[in-house]
Amino acid sequence: MKAALEAWGADSNLFHQGAAKESDDPDVIAAAMAKPGVVLRRPVGTDRPFSEHAELPTYLRDGGPTKVARKLKGPKAKNLSSRPVDKAAERKAALAFEKEQKRRQLEQAKEEAARQKDRERRQQAVDKAQAALDKAEQEHAKRAAAIEAELEAIEERSQAEQARWHKEKEQLEATLRRARG
């Protein structure tokens, strides 16, 4: 037992706690004697031979759950159909359910109406801003056209002034040349 506890790395006496026990099975003793000091294992609920690394069983002998699996399932579910049916409680629960369902539907309808109103308000604000932008663009185009027209008129006046000046300069230069001699 002492050697087994050391091999397992146990800090307490698992034999006295009931977590481990001595075996009288000749197959178990033969396997342990073949590999002294090595912890041997086998899958729980099977009769497979002992080895250093136990694997989970891939199938069950009798086709049913193992002892461990049966213990983990817990108590079987009780048959609920055998209890008496309280019709009044069922009707009350159904009415309460319908009332709650109607309340939720009404609340959802109110929320949807509020969202729709908010969408419409936002759309009106967008439309108003778009109209203001369009109006400002038209005003800008009108002013830009007026400035362009003024620019063309000034350019024409400038060219006319250049032509007048060129003619006058030629006349004055001719007069100056004659005066010099």
Foldseek 3Di string as FASTA:
>chain_A
DVLVCVLVVHPDPCCVVVNDHDDPDPQVVVVCVVPPSADWDEEPQDPDHTDNDYDHDPAHDVRDDGPVVVVVVDDDDDDPVPDDDDVVVVVVVVVVVVVVVVVVVVVVVVVVVVVVVVVVVVVVVVVVVVVVVVVVVVVVVVVVVVVVVVVVVVVVVVVVVVVVVVVVVVVVVVVVVVVVD
